Amino acid sequence: GYACRLKLFLVATDSDYPCRWNLHDELRGYVNRIAYISAACRLTPAQEFRLLTMIDSQDLMLSNRVNYLTAVMEKRDTREIVYPQRPTIGPQYDAVVDKTALTAPGDSFFSKFT
């Protein structure tokens, strides 16, 4: 899977052999599924860091992974994590204030039909 292709990518990079895989997509898939990759197939932190520094990405997941690997290799306890910007919620939810449950029973719209 992803780990094997990334290891082949490293070998191909060292030998000037062109690889046709999209490195960003391969790294994203690897990081997403790292819990399911066996220890024997996983990249070392140095290999993973080298691959991650080959791409210029604004992907928060990959930049956080770089921060994590930097902390691991420097033997630090903490490292900065970047969170995505919180989405703004417009007036689409509860745009109409419905107070019919709070009005007196005789004042409701349906009381005129009884």
Protein backbone atom coordinates (compact mmCIF):
# COMPACT_ATOMS: atom_id res chain seq x y z
CA GLY A 1 0.00 0.00 0.00
CA TYR A 2 1.02 3.51 0.86
CA ALA A 3 4.08 2.62 2.92
CA CYS A 4 5.56 0.45 0.16
CA ARG A 5 5.02 3.12 -2.49
CA LEU A 6 6.60 5.75 -0.25
CA LYS A 7 9.65 3.54 0.36
CA LEU A 8 9.95 3.00 -3.38
CA PHE A 9 9.64 6.74 -3.86
CA LEU A 10 12.61 7.27 -1.53
CA VAL A 11 14.72 4.77 -3.47
CA ALA A 12 13.67 6.29 -6.79
CA THR A 13 14.55 9.77 -5.55
CA ASP A 14 18.05 8.63 -4.58
CA SER A 15 18.56 6.99 -7.97
CA ASP A 16 17.08 9.82 -10.08
CA TYR A 17 14.38 7.48 -11.35
CA PRO A 18 11.15 9.40 -12.01
CA CYS A 19 8.12 8.29 -10.00
CA ARG A 20 4.65 9.03 -11.29
CA TRP A 21 2.86 8.91 -7.97
CA ASN A 22 1.47 12.04 -6.43
CA LEU A 23 3.59 12.36 -3.30
CA HIS A 24 1.05 14.57 -1.51
CA ASP A 25 -1.76 12.04 -2.00
CA GLU A 26 0.46 9.12 -0.99
CA LEU A 27 1.59 10.88 2.20
CA ARG A 28 -1.95 11.88 3.08
CA GLY A 29 -3.13 8.30 2.63
CA TYR A 30 -0.23 7.02 4.71
CA VAL A 31 -0.90 9.43 7.58
CA ASN A 32 -4.65 8.70 7.46
CA ARG A 33 -4.09 4.94 7.69
CA ILE A 34 -0.96 4.74 9.82
CA ALA A 35 -2.83 2.87 12.57
CA TYR A 36 -3.49 0.03 10.13
CA ILE A 37 0.08 -0.23 8.76
CA SER A 38 2.21 -2.93 10.34
CA ALA A 39 5.32 -1.90 12.24
CA ALA A 40 7.53 -3.71 9.73
CA CYS A 41 6.15 -1.65 6.85
CA ARG A 42 6.08 1.76 8.51
CA LEU A 43 8.54 4.45 7.58
CA THR A 44 11.08 5.58 10.12
CA PRO A 45 10.53 9.10 11.46
CA ALA A 46 13.54 10.30 9.44
CA GLN A 47 12.19 8.78 6.20
CA GLU A 48 8.74 10.19 6.77
CA PHE A 49 10.15 13.63 7.64
CA ARG A 50 12.29 13.60 4.49
CA LEU A 51 9.28 12.82 2.30
CA LEU A 52 7.12 15.42 4.02
CA THR A 53 9.74 18.11 3.45
CA MET A 54 9.81 17.29 -0.28
CA ILE A 55 6.31 18.68 -0.76
CA ASP A 56 5.12 22.24 -0.38
CA SER A 57 1.69 21.81 1.14
CA GLN A 58 -0.73 23.91 3.13
CA ASP A 59 -2.41 20.71 4.35
CA LEU A 60 -2.91 21.01 8.11
CA MET A 61 -2.73 17.27 8.68
CA LEU A 62 0.64 16.98 6.98
CA SER A 63 2.06 20.12 8.59
CA ASN A 64 0.99 18.82 12.00
CA ARG A 65 2.67 15.52 11.16
CA VAL A 66 5.89 17.41 10.37
CA ASN A 67 5.61 19.17 13.74
CA TYR A 68 5.06 15.83 15.48
CA LEU A 69 8.02 14.17 13.76
CA THR A 70 10.23 17.15 14.58
CA ALA A 71 9.31 16.78 18.25
CA VAL A 72 10.03 13.03 18.12
CA MET A 73 13.42 13.45 16.45
CA GLU A 74 14.43 16.32 18.78
CA LYS A 75 13.14 14.37 21.80
CA ARG A 76 10.83 17.18 22.89
CA ASP A 77 7.74 16.70 24.99
CA THR A 78 5.55 19.23 23.20
CA ARG A 79 5.14 20.71 19.76
CA GLU A 80 2.76 23.23 18.23
CA ILE A 81 -0.36 21.84 16.59
CA VAL A 82 -2.34 23.93 14.10
CA TYR A 83 -6.12 23.60 14.09
CA PRO A 84 -8.33 24.40 11.10
CA GLN A 85 -10.15 27.70 11.18
CA ARG A 86 -13.58 27.40 12.71
CA PRO A 87 -16.35 27.77 10.13
CA THR A 88 -18.70 30.71 10.48
CA ILE A 89 -22.34 29.83 10.81
CA GLY A 90 -24.73 32.20 9.15
CA PRO A 91 -28.38 32.89 9.92
CA GLN A 92 -29.63 29.66 8.28
CA TYR A 93 -30.36 28.02 11.65
CA ASP A 94 -33.21 29.46 13.67
CA ALA A 95 -33.63 32.47 11.42
CA VAL A 96 -37.27 32.63 12.48
CA VAL A 97 -37.95 32.93 16.18
CA ASP A 98 -40.85 30.58 16.92
CA LYS A 99 -42.50 31.35 20.27
CA THR A 100 -45.79 29.49 19.67
CA ALA A 101 -45.00 27.02 22.46
CA LEU A 102 -44.69 29.92 24.90
CA THR A 103 -47.93 31.74 24.10
CA ALA A 104 -51.20 31.32 25.96
CA PRO A 105 -53.50 28.59 24.57
CA GLY A 106 -56.19 31.07 23.49
CA ASP A 107 -53.78 33.19 21.50
CA SER A 108 -52.58 30.49 19.11
CA PHE A 109 -53.45 30.22 15.45
CA PHE A 110 -55.22 26.87 15.91
CA SER A 111 -57.49 28.09 18.72
CA LYS A 112 -59.58 29.91 16.08
CA PHE A 113 -60.63 26.56 14.53
CA THR A 114 -62.17 25.03 17.66
